[in-house]
mmCIF file of all heavy atoms, coordinates in Angstrom:
data_MODEL
# 
_entry.id   MODEL 
# 
loop_
_atom_site.group_PDB 
_atom_site.id 
_atom_site.type_symbol 
_atom_site.label_atom_id 
_atom_site.label_alt_id 
_atom_site.label_comp_id 
_atom_site.label_asym_id 
_atom_site.label_entity_id 
_atom_site.label_seq_id 
_atom_site.pdbx_PDB_ins_code 
_atom_site.Cartn_x 
_atom_site.Cartn_y 
_atom_site.Cartn_z 
_atom_site.occupancy 
_atom_site.B_iso_or_equiv 
_atom_site.pdbx_formal_charge 
_atom_site.auth_seq_id 
_atom_site.auth_comp_id 
_atom_site.auth_asym_id 
_atom_site.auth_atom_id 
_atom_site.pdbx_PDB_model_num 
ATOM 1   N N   . ALA A 1 1  ? 0.858  -1.187 0.000  1.00 0.00 ? 1  ALA A N   1 
ATOM 2   C CA  . ALA A 1 1  ? 0.000  0.000  0.000  1.00 0.00 ? 1  ALA A CA  1 
ATOM 3   C C   . ALA A 1 1  ? 0.896  1.240  0.000  1.00 0.00 ? 1  ALA A C   1 
ATOM 4   O O   . ALA A 1 1  ? 1.765  1.381  0.862  1.00 0.00 ? 1  ALA A O   1 
ATOM 5   C CB  . ALA A 1 1  ? -0.910 0.018  1.223  1.00 0.00 ? 1  ALA A CB  1 
ATOM 6   N N   . LEU A 1 2  ? 0.690  2.126  -0.967 1.00 0.00 ? 2  LEU A N   1 
ATOM 7   C CA  . LEU A 1 2  ? 1.466  3.365  -1.032 1.00 0.00 ? 2  LEU A CA  1 
ATOM 8   C C   . LEU A 1 2  ? 1.116  4.217  0.180  1.00 0.00 ? 2  LEU A C   1 
ATOM 9   O O   . LEU A 1 2  ? -0.037 4.582  0.380  1.00 0.00 ? 2  LEU A O   1 
ATOM 10  C CB  . LEU A 1 2  ? 1.151  4.125  -2.317 1.00 0.00 ? 2  LEU A CB  1 
ATOM 11  C CG  . LEU A 1 2  ? 1.882  5.450  -2.511 1.00 0.00 ? 2  LEU A CG  1 
ATOM 12  C CD1 . LEU A 1 2  ? 3.370  5.228  -2.693 1.00 0.00 ? 2  LEU A CD1 1 
ATOM 13  C CD2 . LEU A 1 2  ? 1.312  6.193  -3.709 1.00 0.00 ? 2  LEU A CD2 1 
ATOM 14  N N   . VAL A 1 3  ? 2.101  4.495  1.017  1.00 0.00 ? 3  VAL A N   1 
ATOM 15  C CA  . VAL A 1 3  ? 1.816  5.273  2.222  1.00 0.00 ? 3  VAL A CA  1 
ATOM 16  C C   . VAL A 1 3  ? 2.425  6.668  2.185  1.00 0.00 ? 3  VAL A C   1 
ATOM 17  O O   . VAL A 1 3  ? 1.900  7.581  2.795  1.00 0.00 ? 3  VAL A O   1 
ATOM 18  C CB  . VAL A 1 3  ? 2.267  4.536  3.511  1.00 0.00 ? 3  VAL A CB  1 
ATOM 19  C CG1 . VAL A 1 3  ? 1.451  3.281  3.721  1.00 0.00 ? 3  VAL A CG1 1 
ATOM 20  C CG2 . VAL A 1 3  ? 3.730  4.219  3.486  1.00 0.00 ? 3  VAL A CG2 1 
ATOM 21  N N   . VAL A 1 4  ? 3.527  6.814  1.478  1.00 0.00 ? 4  VAL A N   1 
ATOM 22  C CA  . VAL A 1 4  ? 4.147  8.132  1.347  1.00 0.00 ? 4  VAL A CA  1 
ATOM 23  C C   . VAL A 1 4  ? 4.480  8.323  -0.128 1.00 0.00 ? 4  VAL A C   1 
ATOM 24  O O   . VAL A 1 4  ? 5.317  7.618  -0.671 1.00 0.00 ? 4  VAL A O   1 
ATOM 25  C CB  . VAL A 1 4  ? 5.427  8.269  2.205  1.00 0.00 ? 4  VAL A CB  1 
ATOM 26  C CG1 . VAL A 1 4  ? 6.013  9.671  2.063  1.00 0.00 ? 4  VAL A CG1 1 
ATOM 27  C CG2 . VAL A 1 4  ? 5.145  7.956  3.662  1.00 0.00 ? 4  VAL A CG2 1 
ATOM 28  N N   . GLU A 1 5  ? 3.777  9.251  -0.752 1.00 0.00 ? 5  GLU A N   1 
ATOM 29  C CA  . GLU A 1 5  ? 3.988  9.468  -2.182 1.00 0.00 ? 5  GLU A CA  1 
ATOM 30  C C   . GLU A 1 5  ? 5.315  10.166 -2.453 1.00 0.00 ? 5  GLU A C   1 
ATOM 31  O O   . GLU A 1 5  ? 5.977  9.885  -3.443 1.00 0.00 ? 5  GLU A O   1 
ATOM 32  C CB  . GLU A 1 5  ? 2.833  10.276 -2.768 1.00 0.00 ? 5  GLU A CB  1 
ATOM 33  C CG  . GLU A 1 5  ? 2.824  10.267 -4.268 1.00 0.00 ? 5  GLU A CG  1 
ATOM 34  C CD  . GLU A 1 5  ? 1.536  10.837 -4.835 1.00 0.00 ? 5  GLU A CD  1 
ATOM 35  O OE1 . GLU A 1 5  ? 0.513  10.852 -4.129 1.00 0.00 ? 5  GLU A OE1 1 
ATOM 36  O OE2 . GLU A 1 5  ? 1.570  11.283 -5.984 1.00 0.00 ? 5  GLU A OE2 1 
ATOM 37  N N   . GLN A 1 6  ? 5.719  11.056 -1.563 1.00 0.00 ? 6  GLN A N   1 
ATOM 38  C CA  . GLN A 1 6  ? 6.958  11.796 -1.777 1.00 0.00 ? 6  GLN A CA  1 
ATOM 39  C C   . GLN A 1 6  ? 7.800  11.791 -0.503 1.00 0.00 ? 6  GLN A C   1 
ATOM 40  O O   . GLN A 1 6  ? 7.894  12.800 0.196  1.00 0.00 ? 6  GLN A O   1 
ATOM 41  C CB  . GLN A 1 6  ? 6.655  13.211 -2.238 1.00 0.00 ? 6  GLN A CB  1 
ATOM 42  C CG  . GLN A 1 6  ? 5.965  13.243 -3.580 1.00 0.00 ? 6  GLN A CG  1 
ATOM 43  C CD  . GLN A 1 6  ? 6.125  14.581 -4.265 1.00 0.00 ? 6  GLN A CD  1 
ATOM 44  O OE1 . GLN A 1 6  ? 6.654  15.529 -3.716 1.00 0.00 ? 6  GLN A OE1 1 
ATOM 45  N NE2 . GLN A 1 6  ? 5.684  14.648 -5.485 1.00 0.00 ? 6  GLN A NE2 1 
ATOM 46  N N   . ALA A 1 7  ? 8.416  10.662 -0.219 1.00 0.00 ? 7  ALA A N   1 
ATOM 47  C CA  . ALA A 1 7  ? 9.314  10.557 0.928  1.00 0.00 ? 7  ALA A CA  1 
ATOM 48  C C   . ALA A 1 7  ? 10.654 11.191 0.566  1.00 0.00 ? 7  ALA A C   1 
ATOM 49  O O   . ALA A 1 7  ? 11.136 11.039 -0.550 1.00 0.00 ? 7  ALA A O   1 
ATOM 50  C CB  . ALA A 1 7  ? 9.509  9.091  1.311  1.00 0.00 ? 7  ALA A CB  1 
ATOM 51  N N   . SER A 1 8  ? 11.242 11.874 1.497  1.00 0.00 ? 8  SER A N   1 
ATOM 52  C CA  . SER A 1 8  ? 12.530 12.520 1.251  1.00 0.00 ? 8  SER A CA  1 
ATOM 53  C C   . SER A 1 8  ? 13.654 11.488 1.329  1.00 0.00 ? 8  SER A C   1 
ATOM 54  O O   . SER A 1 8  ? 13.652 10.616 2.196  1.00 0.00 ? 8  SER A O   1 
ATOM 55  C CB  . SER A 1 8  ? 12.788 13.606 2.299  1.00 0.00 ? 8  SER A CB  1 
ATOM 56  O OG  . SER A 1 8  ? 14.109 14.094 2.175  1.00 0.00 ? 8  SER A OG  1 
ATOM 57  N N   . VAL A 1 9  ? 14.609 11.611 0.425  1.00 0.00 ? 9  VAL A N   1 
ATOM 58  C CA  . VAL A 1 9  ? 15.778 10.732 0.468  1.00 0.00 ? 9  VAL A CA  1 
ATOM 59  C C   . VAL A 1 9  ? 16.722 11.149 1.598  1.00 0.00 ? 9  VAL A C   1 
ATOM 60  O O   . VAL A 1 9  ? 17.717 10.484 1.847  1.00 0.00 ? 9  VAL A O   1 
ATOM 61  C CB  . VAL A 1 9  ? 16.534 10.705 -0.886 1.00 0.00 ? 9  VAL A CB  1 
ATOM 62  C CG1 . VAL A 1 9  ? 15.661 10.097 -1.981 1.00 0.00 ? 9  VAL A CG1 1 
ATOM 63  C CG2 . VAL A 1 9  ? 17.004 12.102 -1.281 1.00 0.00 ? 9  VAL A CG2 1 
ATOM 64  N N   . LYS A 1 10 ? 16.393 12.234 2.286  1.00 0.00 ? 10 LYS A N   1 
ATOM 65  C CA  . LYS A 1 10 ? 17.204 12.695 3.413  1.00 0.00 ? 10 LYS A CA  1 
ATOM 66  C C   . LYS A 1 10 ? 16.724 12.122 4.743  1.00 0.00 ? 10 LYS A C   1 
ATOM 67  O O   . LYS A 1 10 ? 17.295 12.414 5.784  1.00 0.00 ? 10 LYS A O   1 
ATOM 68  C CB  . LYS A 1 10 ? 17.201 14.222 3.486  1.00 0.00 ? 10 LYS A CB  1 
ATOM 69  C CG  . LYS A 1 10 ? 17.914 14.878 2.327  1.00 0.00 ? 10 LYS A CG  1 
ATOM 70  C CD  . LYS A 1 10 ? 17.971 16.368 2.522  1.00 0.00 ? 10 LYS A CD  1 
ATOM 71  C CE  . LYS A 1 10 ? 18.794 17.021 1.431  1.00 0.00 ? 10 LYS A CE  1 
ATOM 72  N NZ  . LYS A 1 10 ? 18.962 18.453 1.669  1.00 0.00 ? 10 LYS A NZ  1 
ATOM 73  N N   . HIS A 1 11 ? 15.628 11.331 4.721  1.00 0.00 ? 11 HIS A N   1 
ATOM 74  C CA  . HIS A 1 11 ? 15.078 10.744 5.935  1.00 0.00 ? 11 HIS A CA  1 
ATOM 75  C C   . HIS A 1 11 ? 15.090 9.227  5.839  1.00 0.00 ? 11 HIS A C   1 
ATOM 76  O O   . HIS A 1 11 ? 14.990 8.667  4.751  1.00 0.00 ? 11 HIS A O   1 
ATOM 77  C CB  . HIS A 1 11 ? 13.640 11.230 6.165  1.00 0.00 ? 11 HIS A CB  1 
ATOM 78  C CG  . HIS A 1 11 ? 13.553 12.693 6.416  1.00 0.00 ? 11 HIS A CG  1 
ATOM 79  N ND1 . HIS A 1 11 ? 12.834 13.533 5.607  1.00 0.00 ? 11 HIS A ND1 1 
ATOM 80  C CD2 . HIS A 1 11 ? 14.108 13.462 7.373  1.00 0.00 ? 11 HIS A CD2 1 
ATOM 81  C CE1 . HIS A 1 11 ? 12.951 14.777 6.059  1.00 0.00 ? 11 HIS A CE1 1 
ATOM 82  N NE2 . HIS A 1 11 ? 13.717 14.760 7.126  1.00 0.00 ? 11 HIS A NE2 1 
ATOM 83  N N   . THR A 1 12 ? 15.152 8.573  6.969  1.00 0.00 ? 12 THR A N   1 
ATOM 84  C CA  . THR A 1 12 ? 15.098 7.114  6.971  1.00 0.00 ? 12 THR A CA  1 
ATOM 85  C C   . THR A 1 12 ? 13.680 6.647  6.667  1.00 0.00 ? 12 THR A C   1 
ATOM 86  O O   . THR A 1 12 ? 12.724 7.423  6.766  1.00 0.00 ? 12 THR A O   1 
ATOM 87  C CB  . THR A 1 12 ? 15.522 6.539  8.341  1.00 0.00 ? 12 THR A CB  1 
ATOM 88  O OG1 . THR A 1 12 ? 14.576 6.945  9.326  1.00 0.00 ? 12 THR A OG1 1 
ATOM 89  C CG2 . THR A 1 12 ? 16.934 6.969  8.714  1.00 0.00 ? 12 THR A CG2 1 
ATOM 90  N N   . ILE A 1 13 ? 13.570 5.382  6.330  1.00 0.00 ? 13 ILE A N   1 
ATOM 91  C CA  . ILE A 1 13 ? 12.254 4.790  6.089  1.00 0.00 ? 13 ILE A CA  1 
ATOM 92  C C   . ILE A 1 13 ? 11.403 4.919  7.346  1.00 0.00 ? 13 ILE A C   1 
ATOM 93  O O   . ILE A 1 13 ? 10.223 5.275  7.274  1.00 0.00 ? 13 ILE A O   1 
ATOM 94  C CB  . ILE A 1 13 ? 12.401 3.319  5.663  1.00 0.00 ? 13 ILE A CB  1 
ATOM 95  C CG1 . ILE A 1 13 ? 13.036 3.242  4.268  1.00 0.00 ? 13 ILE A CG1 1 
ATOM 96  C CG2 . ILE A 1 13 ? 11.059 2.590  5.703  1.00 0.00 ? 13 ILE A CG2 1 
ATOM 97  C CD1 . ILE A 1 13 ? 13.423 1.850  3.829  1.00 0.00 ? 13 ILE A CD1 1 
ATOM 98  N N   . LEU A 1 14 ? 11.989 4.665  8.499  1.00 0.00 ? 14 LEU A N   1 
ATOM 99  C CA  . LEU A 1 14 ? 11.242 4.769  9.753  1.00 0.00 ? 14 LEU A CA  1 
ATOM 100 C C   . LEU A 1 14 ? 10.724 6.187  9.978  1.00 0.00 ? 14 LEU A C   1 
ATOM 101 O O   . LEU A 1 14 ? 9.553  6.384  10.291 1.00 0.00 ? 14 LEU A O   1 
ATOM 102 C CB  . LEU A 1 14 ? 12.100 4.328  10.939 1.00 0.00 ? 14 LEU A CB  1 
ATOM 103 C CG  . LEU A 1 14 ? 11.434 4.454  12.310 1.00 0.00 ? 14 LEU A CG  1 
ATOM 104 C CD1 . LEU A 1 14 ? 10.193 3.582  12.400 1.00 0.00 ? 14 LEU A CD1 1 
ATOM 105 C CD2 . LEU A 1 14 ? 12.418 4.127  13.413 1.00 0.00 ? 14 LEU A CD2 1 
ATOM 106 N N   . THR A 1 15 ? 11.570 7.184  9.808  1.00 0.00 ? 15 THR A N   1 
ATOM 107 C CA  . THR A 1 15 ? 11.174 8.578  10.004 1.00 0.00 ? 15 THR A CA  1 
ATOM 108 C C   . THR A 1 15 ? 10.028 8.958  9.068  1.00 0.00 ? 15 THR A C   1 
ATOM 109 O O   . THR A 1 15 ? 9.057  9.584  9.492  1.00 0.00 ? 15 THR A O   1 
ATOM 110 C CB  . THR A 1 15 ? 12.377 9.517  9.786  1.00 0.00 ? 15 THR A CB  1 
ATOM 111 O OG1 . THR A 1 15 ? 13.409 9.158  10.684 1.00 0.00 ? 15 THR A OG1 1 
ATOM 112 C CG2 . THR A 1 15 ? 11.999 10.960 10.000 1.00 0.00 ? 15 THR A CG2 1 
ATOM 113 N N   . SER A 1 16 ? 10.122 8.553  7.816  1.00 0.00 ? 16 SER A N   1 
ATOM 114 C CA  . SER A 1 16 ? 9.064  8.860  6.845  1.00 0.00 ? 16 SER A CA  1 
ATOM 115 C C   . SER A 1 16 ? 7.758  8.165  7.208  1.00 0.00 ? 16 SER A C   1 
ATOM 116 O O   . SER A 1 16 ? 6.684  8.762  7.107  1.00 0.00 ? 16 SER A O   1 
ATOM 117 C CB  . SER A 1 16 ? 9.495  8.440  5.438  1.00 0.00 ? 16 SER A CB  1 
ATOM 118 O OG  . SER A 1 16 ? 10.583 9.237  5.011  1.00 0.00 ? 16 SER A OG  1 
ATOM 119 N N   . ALA A 1 17 ? 7.840  6.915  7.647  1.00 0.00 ? 17 ALA A N   1 
ATOM 120 C CA  . ALA A 1 17 ? 6.631  6.174  8.030  1.00 0.00 ? 17 ALA A CA  1 
ATOM 121 C C   . ALA A 1 17 ? 5.973  6.808  9.254  1.00 0.00 ? 17 ALA A C   1 
ATOM 122 O O   . ALA A 1 17 ? 4.752  6.995  9.281  1.00 0.00 ? 17 ALA A O   1 
ATOM 123 C CB  . ALA A 1 17 ? 6.968  4.713  8.297  1.00 0.00 ? 17 ALA A CB  1 
ATOM 124 N N   . LEU A 1 18 ? 6.763  7.147  10.255 1.00 0.00 ? 18 LEU A N   1 
ATOM 125 C CA  . LEU A 1 18 ? 6.210  7.763  11.457 1.00 0.00 ? 18 LEU A CA  1 
ATOM 126 C C   . LEU A 1 18 ? 5.598  9.133  11.152 1.00 0.00 ? 18 LEU A C   1 
ATOM 127 O O   . LEU A 1 18 ? 4.557  9.490  11.699 1.00 0.00 ? 18 LEU A O   1 
ATOM 128 C CB  . LEU A 1 18 ? 7.276  7.879  12.547 1.00 0.00 ? 18 LEU A CB  1 
ATOM 129 C CG  . LEU A 1 18 ? 7.800  6.548  13.112 1.00 0.00 ? 18 LEU A CG  1 
ATOM 130 C CD1 . LEU A 1 18 ? 8.926  6.803  14.101 1.00 0.00 ? 18 LEU A CD1 1 
ATOM 131 C CD2 . LEU A 1 18 ? 6.682  5.739  13.732 1.00 0.00 ? 18 LEU A CD2 1 
ATOM 132 N N   . ALA A 1 19 ? 6.232  9.894  10.257 1.00 0.00 ? 19 ALA A N   1 
ATOM 133 C CA  . ALA A 1 19 ? 5.700  11.202 9.866  1.00 0.00 ? 19 ALA A CA  1 
ATOM 134 C C   . ALA A 1 19 ? 4.359  11.071 9.143  1.00 0.00 ? 19 ALA A C   1 
ATOM 135 O O   . ALA A 1 19 ? 3.535  11.983 9.183  1.00 0.00 ? 19 ALA A O   1 
ATOM 136 C CB  . ALA A 1 19 ? 6.699  11.943 8.986  1.00 0.00 ? 19 ALA A CB  1 
ATOM 137 N N   . ALA A 1 20 ? 4.142  9.901  8.507  1.00 0.00 ? 20 ALA A N   1 
ATOM 138 C CA  . ALA A 1 20 ? 2.871  9.641  7.811  1.00 0.00 ? 20 ALA A CA  1 
ATOM 139 C C   . ALA A 1 20 ? 1.864  8.961  8.742  1.00 0.00 ? 20 ALA A C   1 
ATOM 140 O O   . ALA A 1 20 ? 0.852  8.438  8.281  1.00 0.00 ? 20 ALA A O   1 
ATOM 141 C CB  . ALA A 1 20 ? 3.127  8.774  6.582  1.00 0.00 ? 20 ALA A CB  1 
ATOM 142 N N   . ASN A 1 21 ? 2.154  8.978  10.046 1.00 0.00 ? 21 ASN A N   1 
ATOM 143 C CA  . ASN A 1 21 ? 1.279  8.388  11.066 1.00 0.00 ? 21 ASN A CA  1 
ATOM 144 C C   . ASN A 1 21 ? 1.082  6.886  10.908 1.00 0.00 ? 21 ASN A C   1 
ATOM 145 O O   . ASN A 1 21 ? 0.026  6.355  11.236 1.00 0.00 ? 21 ASN A O   1 
ATOM 146 C CB  . ASN A 1 21 ? -0.076 9.103  11.111 1.00 0.00 ? 21 ASN A CB  1 
ATOM 147 C CG  . ASN A 1 21 ? 0.069  10.527 11.581 1.00 0.00 ? 21 ASN A CG  1 
ATOM 148 O OD1 . ASN A 1 21 ? 0.811  10.810 12.517 1.00 0.00 ? 21 ASN A OD1 1 
ATOM 149 N ND2 . ASN A 1 21 ? -0.622 11.437 10.920 1.00 0.00 ? 21 ASN A ND2 1 
ATOM 150 N N   . ILE A 1 22 ? 2.104  6.197  10.409 1.00 0.00 ? 22 ILE A N   1 
ATOM 151 C CA  . ILE A 1 22 ? 2.085  4.741  10.324 1.00 0.00 ? 22 ILE A CA  1 
ATOM 152 C C   . ILE A 1 22 ? 2.625  4.204  11.647 1.00 0.00 ? 22 ILE A C   1 
ATOM 153 O O   . ILE A 1 22 ? 3.684  4.630  12.109 1.00 0.00 ? 22 ILE A O   1 
ATOM 154 C CB  . ILE A 1 22 ? 2.978  4.235  9.160  1.00 0.00 ? 22 ILE A CB  1 
ATOM 155 C CG1 . ILE A 1 22 ? 2.535  4.843  7.834  1.00 0.00 ? 22 ILE A CG1 1 
ATOM 156 C CG2 . ILE A 1 22 ? 2.998  2.711  9.116  1.00 0.00 ? 22 ILE A CG2 1 
ATOM 157 C CD1 . ILE A 1 22 ? 1.128  4.506  7.411  1.00 0.00 ? 22 ILE A CD1 1 
ATOM 158 N N   . ALA A 1 23 ? 1.897  3.294  12.252 1.00 0.00 ? 23 ALA A N   1 
ATOM 159 C CA  . ALA A 1 23 ? 2.336  2.681  13.519 1.00 0.00 ? 23 ALA A CA  1 
ATOM 160 C C   . ALA A 1 23 ? 3.392  1.631  13.198 1.00 0.00 ? 23 ALA A C   1 
ATOM 161 O O   . ALA A 1 23 ? 3.136  0.439  13.164 1.00 0.00 ? 23 ALA A O   1 
ATOM 162 C CB  . ALA A 1 23 ? 1.153  2.057  14.240 1.00 0.00 ? 23 ALA A CB  1 
ATOM 163 N N   . PHE A 1 24 ? 4.598  2.110  12.931 1.00 0.00 ? 24 PHE A N   1 
ATOM 164 C CA  . PHE A 1 24 ? 5.712  1.261  12.509 1.00 0.00 ? 24 PHE A CA  1 
ATOM 165 C C   . PHE A 1 24 ? 6.443  0.763  13.754 1.00 0.00 ? 24 PHE A C   1 
ATOM 166 O O   . PHE A 1 24 ? 6.765  1.553  14.642 1.00 0.00 ? 24 PHE A O   1 
ATOM 167 C CB  . PHE A 1 24 ? 6.683  2.073  11.638 1.00 0.00 ? 24 PHE A CB  1 
ATOM 168 C CG  . PHE A 1 24 ? 7.528  1.246  10.721 1.00 0.00 ? 24 PHE A CG  1 
ATOM 169 C CD1 . PHE A 1 24 ? 7.218  1.156  9.378  1.00 0.00 ? 24 PHE A CD1 1 
ATOM 170 C CD2 . PHE A 1 24 ? 8.632  0.558  11.199 1.00 0.00 ? 24 PHE A CD2 1 
ATOM 171 C CE1 . PHE A 1 24 ? 8.003  0.401  8.521  1.00 0.00 ? 24 PHE A CE1 1 
ATOM 172 C CE2 . PHE A 1 24 ? 9.416  -0.199 10.348 1.00 0.00 ? 24 PHE A CE2 1 
ATOM 173 C CZ  . PHE A 1 24 ? 9.102  -0.279 9.002  1.00 0.00 ? 24 PHE A CZ  1 
ATOM 174 N N   . PRO A 1 25 ? 6.713  -0.543 13.855 1.00 0.00 ? 25 PRO A N   1 
ATOM 175 C CA  . PRO A 1 25 ? 7.416  -1.040 15.036 1.00 0.00 ? 25 PRO A CA  1 
ATOM 176 C C   . PRO A 1 25 ? 8.822  -0.441 15.134 1.00 0.00 ? 25 PRO A C   1 
ATOM 177 O O   . PRO A 1 25 ? 9.549  -0.403 14.147 1.00 0.00 ? 25 PRO A O   1 
ATOM 178 C CB  . PRO A 1 25 ? 7.471  -2.553 14.819 1.00 0.00 ? 25 PRO A CB  1 
ATOM 179 C CG  . PRO A 1 25 ? 7.184  -2.784 13.387 1.00 0.00 ? 25 PRO A CG  1 
ATOM 180 C CD  . PRO A 1 25 ? 6.416  -1.592 12.889 1.00 0.00 ? 25 PRO A CD  1 
ATOM 181 N N   . HIS A 1 26 ? 9.158  0.059  16.308 1.00 0.00 ? 26 HIS A N   1 
ATOM 182 C CA  . HIS A 1 26 ? 10.487 0.625  16.536 1.00 0.00 ? 26 HIS A CA  1 
ATOM 183 C C   . HIS A 1 26 ? 10.720 0.756  18.031 1.00 0.00 ? 26 HIS A C   1 
ATOM 184 O O   . HIS A 1 26 ? 9.793  0.666  18.828 1.00 0.00 ? 26 HIS A O   1 
ATOM 185 C CB  . HIS A 1 26 ? 10.635 1.982  15.848 1.00 0.00 ? 26 HIS A CB  1 
ATOM 186 C CG  . HIS A 1 26 ? 9.796  3.060  16.452 1.00 0.00 ? 26 HIS A CG  1 
ATOM 187 N ND1 . HIS A 1 26 ? 8.428  3.145  16.250 1.00 0.00 ? 26 HIS A ND1 1 
ATOM 188 C CD2 . HIS A 1 26 ? 10.107 4.090  17.275 1.00 0.00 ? 26 HIS A CD2 1 
ATOM 189 C CE1 . HIS A 1 26 ? 7.952  4.189  16.906 1.00 0.00 ? 26 HIS A CE1 1 
ATOM 190 N NE2 . HIS A 1 26 ? 8.950  4.786  17.549 1.00 0.00 ? 26 HIS A NE2 1 
ATOM 191 N N   . HIS A 1 27 ? 11.950 0.974  18.391 1.00 0.00 ? 27 HIS A N   1 
ATOM 192 C CA  . HIS A 1 27 ? 12.272 1.200  19.800 1.00 0.00 ? 27 HIS A CA  1 
ATOM 193 C C   . HIS A 1 27 ? 13.450 2.171  19.914 1.00 0.00 ? 27 HIS A C   1 
ATOM 194 O O   . HIS A 1 27 ? 13.257 3.322  20.246 1.00 0.00 ? 27 HIS A O   1 
ATOM 195 C CB  . HIS A 1 27 ? 12.560 -0.115 20.515 1.00 0.00 ? 27 HIS A CB  1 
ATOM 196 C CG  . HIS A 1 27 ? 12.767 0.050  21.991 1.00 0.00 ? 27 HIS A CG  1 
ATOM 197 N ND1 . HIS A 1 27 ? 11.772 0.479  22.842 1.00 0.00 ? 27 HIS A ND1 1 
ATOM 198 C CD2 . HIS A 1 27 ? 13.868 -0.138 22.754 1.00 0.00 ? 27 HIS A CD2 1 
ATOM 199 C CE1 . HIS A 1 27 ? 12.251 0.545  24.070 1.00 0.00 ? 27 HIS A CE1 1 
ATOM 200 N NE2 . HIS A 1 27 ? 13.508 0.182  24.041 1.00 0.00 ? 27 HIS A NE2 1 
ATOM 201 N N   . CYS A 1 28 ? 14.661 1.704  19.605 1.00 0.00 ? 28 CYS A N   1 
ATOM 202 C CA  . CYS A 1 28 ? 15.858 2.516  19.876 1.00 0.00 ? 28 CYS A CA  1 
ATOM 203 C C   . CYS A 1 28 ? 16.116 3.606  18.840 1.00 0.00 ? 28 CYS A C   1 
ATOM 204 O O   . CYS A 1 28 ? 16.680 4.634  19.153 1.00 0.00 ? 28 CYS A O   1 
ATOM 205 C CB  . CYS A 1 28 ? 17.082 1.617  19.981 1.00 0.00 ? 28 CYS A CB  1 
ATOM 206 S SG  . CYS A 1 28 ? 17.646 0.941  18.397 1.00 0.00 ? 28 CYS A SG  1 
ATOM 207 N N   . GLN A 1 29 ? 15.754 3.389  17.594 1.00 0.00 ? 29 GLN A N   1 
ATOM 208 C CA  . GLN A 1 29 ? 15.974 4.294  16.460 1.00 0.00 ? 29 GLN A CA  1 
ATOM 209 C C   . GLN A 1 29 ? 17.441 4.521  16.112 1.00 0.00 ? 29 GLN A C   1 
ATOM 210 O O   . GLN A 1 29 ? 17.775 5.464  15.394 1.00 0.00 ? 29 GLN A O   1 
ATOM 211 C CB  . GLN A 1 29 ? 15.252 5.624  16.675 1.00 0.00 ? 29 GLN A CB  1 
ATOM 212 C CG  . GLN A 1 29 ? 13.751 5.464  16.778 1.00 0.00 ? 29 GLN A CG  1 
ATOM 213 C CD  . GLN A 1 29 ? 13.020 6.782  16.778 1.00 0.00 ? 29 GLN A CD  1 
ATOM 214 O OE1 . GLN A 1 29 ? 13.470 7.761  16.209 1.00 0.00 ? 29 GLN A OE1 1 
ATOM 215 N NE2 . GLN A 1 29 ? 11.866 6.809  17.421 1.00 0.00 ? 29 GLN A NE2 1 
# 
């Protein structure tokens, strides 16, 4: 499912997912 149409290449996948309000599993980052 397309969740971020224009993710920045300057951010990690996790950062982009969290910014799109995706409940992405993470802890330490």
